[in-house]
Protein backbone atom coordinates (compact mmCIF):
# COMPACT_ATOMS: atom_id res chain seq x y z
CA UNK A 1 -128.51 -58.00 -34.03
CA UNK A 2 -126.28 -57.70 -30.99
CA UNK A 3 -122.75 -58.88 -31.85
CA UNK A 4 -122.32 -60.40 -28.39
CA UNK A 5 -125.61 -62.23 -28.60
CA UNK A 6 -124.84 -63.58 -32.05
CA UNK A 7 -121.38 -64.79 -31.04
CA UNK A 8 -121.97 -66.22 -27.58
CA UNK A 9 -125.64 -67.19 -27.39
CA UNK A 10 -126.69 -68.19 -30.87
CA UNK A 11 -123.40 -69.17 -32.50
CA UNK A 12 -121.89 -70.96 -29.49
CA UNK A 13 -125.29 -72.26 -28.43
CA UNK A 14 -125.91 -73.70 -31.87
CA UNK A 15 -122.55 -75.47 -32.04
CA UNK A 16 -122.93 -77.09 -28.63
CA UNK A 17 -126.68 -77.69 -28.92
CA UNK A 18 -126.97 -75.72 -25.69
CA UNK A 19 -129.56 -73.62 -27.50
CA UNK A 20 -131.74 -76.70 -28.02
CA UNK A 21 -131.40 -77.79 -24.39
CA UNK A 22 -132.37 -74.34 -23.11
CA UNK A 23 -135.31 -73.87 -25.47
CA UNK A 24 -138.46 -73.27 -23.37
CA UNK A 25 -141.35 -75.66 -23.89
CA UNK A 26 -143.58 -72.73 -24.86
CA UNK A 27 -141.33 -72.13 -27.86
CA UNK A 28 -141.77 -75.75 -28.94
CA UNK A 29 -145.50 -75.45 -28.36
CA UNK A 30 -145.59 -72.51 -30.77
CA UNK A 31 -143.95 -74.76 -33.37
CA UNK A 32 -146.66 -77.36 -32.81
CA UNK A 33 -149.22 -74.64 -33.52
CA UNK A 34 -147.43 -73.81 -36.78
CA UNK A 35 -147.47 -77.46 -37.85
CA UNK A 36 -151.18 -77.73 -37.09
CA UNK A 37 -151.87 -74.97 -39.64
CA UNK A 38 -150.01 -76.56 -42.56
CA UNK A 39 -152.14 -77.85 -45.45
CA UNK A 40 -152.53 -81.62 -45.48
CA UNK A 41 -150.91 -82.23 -48.86
CA UNK A 42 -147.99 -84.39 -49.92
CA UNK A 43 -144.99 -83.16 -51.87
CA UNK A 44 -145.07 -79.57 -50.65
CA UNK A 45 -142.00 -77.37 -50.56
CA UNK A 46 -141.47 -75.44 -47.33
CA UNK A 47 -138.92 -72.73 -46.50
CA UNK A 48 -137.98 -72.36 -42.83
CA UNK A 49 -136.64 -68.78 -42.95
CA UNK A 50 -134.24 -68.29 -40.06
CA UNK A 51 -134.17 -71.99 -39.23
CA UNK A 52 -131.43 -71.96 -36.56
CA UNK A 53 -130.65 -75.58 -35.69
CA UNK A 54 -133.66 -76.87 -37.60
CA UNK A 55 -135.86 -77.48 -34.57
CA UNK A 56 -138.93 -77.30 -36.81
CA UNK A 57 -137.74 -80.53 -38.46
CA UNK A 58 -138.61 -82.39 -35.24
CA UNK A 59 -142.26 -81.66 -35.97
CA UNK A 60 -142.04 -82.04 -39.76
CA UNK A 61 -140.37 -85.44 -39.74
CA UNK A 62 -143.44 -87.39 -40.85
CA UNK A 63 -144.38 -84.86 -43.52
CA UNK A 64 -140.84 -84.93 -44.94
CA UNK A 65 -140.87 -88.74 -44.97
CA UNK A 66 -144.12 -88.55 -46.96
CA UNK A 67 -142.65 -86.29 -49.63
CA UNK A 68 -142.31 -82.76 -48.28
CA UNK A 69 -139.09 -80.96 -49.24
CA UNK A 70 -137.66 -78.81 -46.45
CA UNK A 71 -135.45 -75.80 -47.17
CA UNK A 72 -133.80 -74.19 -44.16
CA UNK A 73 -131.90 -70.90 -44.30
CA UNK A 74 -130.02 -68.95 -41.67
CA UNK A 75 -127.31 -66.31 -41.37
CA UNK A 76 -125.22 -68.48 -39.07
CA UNK A 77 -123.42 -71.54 -40.41
CA UNK A 78 -123.29 -73.07 -36.91
CA UNK A 79 -127.05 -73.45 -36.87
CA UNK A 80 -127.16 -74.88 -40.37
CA UNK A 81 -124.53 -77.48 -39.47
CA UNK A 82 -126.72 -78.68 -36.62
CA UNK A 83 -129.80 -78.66 -38.87
CA UNK A 84 -127.99 -80.96 -41.31
CA UNK A 85 -126.97 -83.27 -38.46
CA UNK A 86 -130.57 -83.28 -37.23
CA UNK A 87 -131.79 -84.26 -40.70
CA UNK A 88 -129.28 -87.14 -40.74
CA UNK A 89 -130.38 -88.30 -37.29
CA UNK A 90 -134.01 -88.26 -38.43
CA UNK A 91 -132.98 -90.02 -41.66
CA UNK A 92 -134.59 -87.40 -43.88
CA UNK A 93 -131.47 -85.67 -45.20
CA UNK A 94 -132.30 -86.64 -48.79
CA UNK A 95 -135.25 -84.22 -48.65
CA UNK A 96 -133.60 -81.46 -46.62
CA UNK A 97 -131.59 -78.56 -48.05
CA UNK A 98 -129.87 -76.03 -45.77
CA UNK A 99 -128.55 -72.76 -47.19
CA UNK A 100 -126.65 -69.90 -45.55
CA UNK A 101 -128.37 -66.72 -46.68
CA UNK A 102 -129.75 -63.36 -45.59
CA UNK A 103 -133.54 -63.17 -45.89
CA UNK A 104 -133.35 -59.40 -46.50
CA UNK A 105 -131.52 -59.82 -49.83
CA UNK A 106 -132.58 -61.57 -53.02
CA UNK A 107 -133.84 -65.05 -52.11
CA UNK A 108 -132.05 -68.15 -53.34
CA UNK A 109 -135.36 -69.68 -54.46
CA UNK A 110 -137.11 -69.15 -57.77
CA UNK A 111 -140.18 -66.96 -57.99
CA UNK A 112 -143.48 -68.81 -57.41
CA UNK A 113 -141.68 -72.02 -56.42
CA UNK A 114 -142.63 -72.73 -52.78
CA UNK A 115 -145.87 -73.75 -51.11
CA UNK A 116 -145.16 -72.60 -47.55
CA UNK A 117 -142.84 -70.15 -45.81
CA UNK A 118 -142.41 -70.22 -42.04
CA UNK A 119 -140.73 -67.28 -40.29
CA UNK A 120 -140.73 -68.53 -36.72
CA UNK A 121 -139.31 -65.79 -34.48
CA UNK A 122 -136.92 -64.55 -37.16
CA UNK A 123 -137.97 -61.24 -38.72
CA UNK A 124 -138.33 -59.34 -35.43
CA UNK A 125 -134.53 -59.15 -35.04
CA UNK A 126 -134.25 -57.13 -38.28
CA UNK A 127 -133.96 -53.62 -36.87
CA UNK A 128 -134.64 -51.47 -39.94
CA UNK A 129 -138.24 -51.33 -41.16
CA UNK A 130 -137.27 -51.29 -44.84
CA UNK A 131 -135.06 -54.36 -44.42
CA UNK A 132 -137.83 -56.21 -42.60
CA UNK A 133 -140.27 -55.27 -45.34
CA UNK A 134 -137.82 -56.52 -47.98
CA UNK A 135 -137.60 -59.86 -46.19
CA UNK A 136 -141.38 -60.22 -46.30
CA UNK A 137 -141.48 -59.22 -49.97
CA UNK A 138 -138.87 -61.88 -50.69
CA UNK A 139 -141.09 -64.44 -48.99
CA UNK A 140 -144.08 -63.28 -51.02
CA UNK A 141 -142.08 -63.48 -54.24
CA UNK A 142 -141.02 -67.12 -53.85
CA UNK A 143 -144.44 -68.41 -52.78
CA UNK A 144 -146.69 -69.94 -55.38
CA UNK A 145 -150.05 -68.24 -55.95
CA UNK A 146 -152.24 -69.46 -53.10
CA UNK A 147 -149.15 -70.12 -50.98
CA UNK A 148 -149.05 -69.74 -47.20
CA UNK A 149 -146.81 -67.66 -44.93
CA UNK A 150 -146.82 -68.30 -41.18
CA UNK A 151 -144.99 -65.80 -39.00
CA UNK A 152 -144.42 -65.80 -35.24
CA UNK A 153 -143.19 -62.58 -33.65
CA UNK A 154 -142.95 -61.22 -30.09
CA UNK A 155 -145.51 -58.69 -28.97
CA UNK A 156 -145.46 -55.69 -26.66
CA UNK A 157 -146.59 -58.09 -23.90
CA UNK A 158 -143.46 -60.26 -24.06
CA UNK A 159 -142.65 -61.41 -20.53
CA UNK A 160 -139.75 -63.75 -19.78
CA UNK A 161 -141.17 -64.86 -16.44
CA UNK A 162 -144.56 -65.75 -17.90
CA UNK A 163 -142.89 -67.75 -20.69
CA UNK A 164 -141.02 -69.84 -18.12
CA UNK A 165 -144.17 -70.44 -16.07
CA UNK A 166 -146.18 -71.46 -19.13
CA UNK A 167 -143.34 -73.73 -20.21
CA UNK A 168 -143.47 -75.50 -16.86
CA UNK A 169 -147.23 -75.96 -17.24
CA UNK A 170 -146.77 -77.52 -20.68
CA UNK A 171 -144.00 -79.76 -19.35
CA UNK A 172 -146.11 -80.99 -16.43
CA UNK A 173 -148.87 -81.94 -18.84
CA UNK A 174 -146.55 -83.64 -21.35
CA UNK A 175 -143.72 -85.14 -19.30
CA UNK A 176 -144.71 -85.11 -15.64
CA UNK A 177 -143.43 -83.52 -12.46
CA UNK A 178 -139.90 -84.96 -12.49
CA UNK A 179 -138.94 -83.64 -15.92
CA UNK A 180 -140.57 -80.32 -15.07
CA UNK A 181 -138.54 -80.03 -11.86
CA UNK A 182 -135.30 -80.85 -13.71
CA UNK A 183 -135.97 -78.17 -16.31
CA UNK A 184 -137.09 -75.59 -13.75
CA UNK A 185 -134.06 -76.08 -11.48
CA UNK A 186 -131.20 -76.87 -13.86
CA UNK A 187 -132.11 -75.41 -17.27
CA UNK A 188 -134.72 -72.67 -17.16
CA UNK A 189 -132.71 -70.27 -14.94
CA UNK A 190 -130.18 -70.12 -17.79
CA UNK A 191 -132.96 -69.97 -20.39
CA UNK A 192 -134.36 -66.91 -18.68
CA UNK A 193 -131.09 -65.27 -17.69
CA UNK A 194 -129.09 -65.82 -20.89
CA UNK A 195 -131.88 -65.76 -23.45
CA UNK A 196 -135.34 -64.50 -22.60
CA UNK A 197 -134.29 -61.56 -20.44
CA UNK A 198 -131.91 -60.33 -23.12
CA UNK A 199 -134.60 -60.58 -25.78
CA UNK A 200 -136.98 -58.67 -23.53
CA UNK A 201 -134.43 -55.86 -23.09
CA UNK A 202 -133.87 -55.67 -26.84
CA UNK A 203 -137.60 -55.42 -27.41
CA UNK A 204 -138.06 -52.77 -24.74
CA UNK A 205 -135.17 -50.70 -26.12
CA UNK A 206 -136.53 -50.82 -29.66
CA UNK A 207 -133.48 -52.65 -31.05
CA UNK A 208 -135.78 -55.51 -31.98
CA UNK A 209 -139.45 -55.21 -32.89
CA UNK A 210 -142.21 -55.88 -30.38
CA UNK A 211 -145.41 -56.01 -32.41
CA UNK A 212 -149.02 -55.13 -31.95
CA UNK A 213 -151.40 -57.42 -33.81
CA UNK A 214 -152.34 -54.52 -36.07
CA UNK A 215 -148.71 -53.62 -36.72
CA UNK A 216 -147.79 -57.16 -37.76
CA UNK A 217 -150.82 -57.39 -40.04
CA UNK A 218 -149.90 -54.07 -41.65
CA UNK A 219 -146.36 -55.25 -42.42
CA UNK A 220 -147.68 -58.41 -44.06
CA UNK A 221 -150.24 -56.48 -46.08
CA UNK A 222 -147.62 -54.01 -47.30
CA UNK A 223 -145.64 -56.98 -48.63
CA UNK A 224 -148.72 -58.13 -50.58
CA UNK A 225 -150.23 -60.75 -48.28
CA UNK A 226 -153.88 -61.25 -47.47
CA UNK A 227 -154.24 -61.72 -43.71
CA UNK A 228 -155.72 -64.98 -42.48
CA UNK A 229 -155.76 -66.75 -39.15
CA UNK A 230 -153.97 -65.24 -36.15
CA UNK A 231 -153.67 -66.00 -32.46
CA UNK A 232 -151.76 -65.01 -29.35
CA UNK A 233 -149.02 -67.47 -28.35
CA UNK A 234 -145.96 -67.70 -26.09
CA UNK A 235 -147.67 -66.92 -22.76
CA UNK A 236 -149.45 -63.97 -24.37
CA UNK A 237 -146.11 -62.52 -25.45
CA UNK A 238 -146.20 -63.16 -29.20
CA UNK A 239 -148.46 -63.43 -32.22
CA UNK A 240 -148.83 -66.17 -34.78
CA UNK A 241 -150.25 -64.85 -38.05
CA UNK A 242 -150.96 -66.35 -41.46
CA UNK A 243 -150.56 -64.49 -44.72
CA UNK A 244 -151.77 -65.76 -48.08
CA UNK A 245 -150.53 -65.01 -51.57
CA UNK A 246 -153.61 -64.47 -53.66
CA UNK A 247 -154.28 -67.26 -56.11
CA UNK A 248 -153.64 -65.99 -59.62
CA UNK A 249 -151.02 -63.46 -58.54
CA UNK A 250 -147.45 -63.79 -59.72
């Protein structure tokens, strides 16, 4: 992870909630796709691995109110602080646990204890292949037999400009022309310049991992997962993929 990026974009962005304000609508749309794939069961335990400011909670609010327990983990305490505040604002903090931890080391959860793990644009920033594989094995270990992993990772077709354009299309459909114009003029230039362009450079340089569909599936399979549903997301610049822990495995 770039030290500058961690300090000034993520850490400072988390503290000020600037990160949330600059988040492109396509990113939120990818979260909606994740939510749509979750099993319709009450009382499930979900781990948001690399949760940042807990944006996923915005889409899990009803499920948490109905009994889901949300565990969020991140390397940066600034993001976790905002995730806790978000849980308080949504009045679900009694069912939300946020933990500062590194997903590449031994997980803080017990083996076979969770129903769902979501790694939403988190593992691709782990530069070393063996570390990334260890993170996936940790996720496999804590899932119950039959449990579900959903990962979202950028692909070789990641394109900052296309993400902005798709975000504007989603905004027009959801919030109308005025809100779209405000985002396009006042927010998205910073989204692209400070965030998306930097990510694209990191992917192109090989510092972060830009996946092929086959490459992502192979990493999940090496960690023990059976591959399920997958689709292209994020203006064609990322993959969403489901992995399943075989029922009866431990």
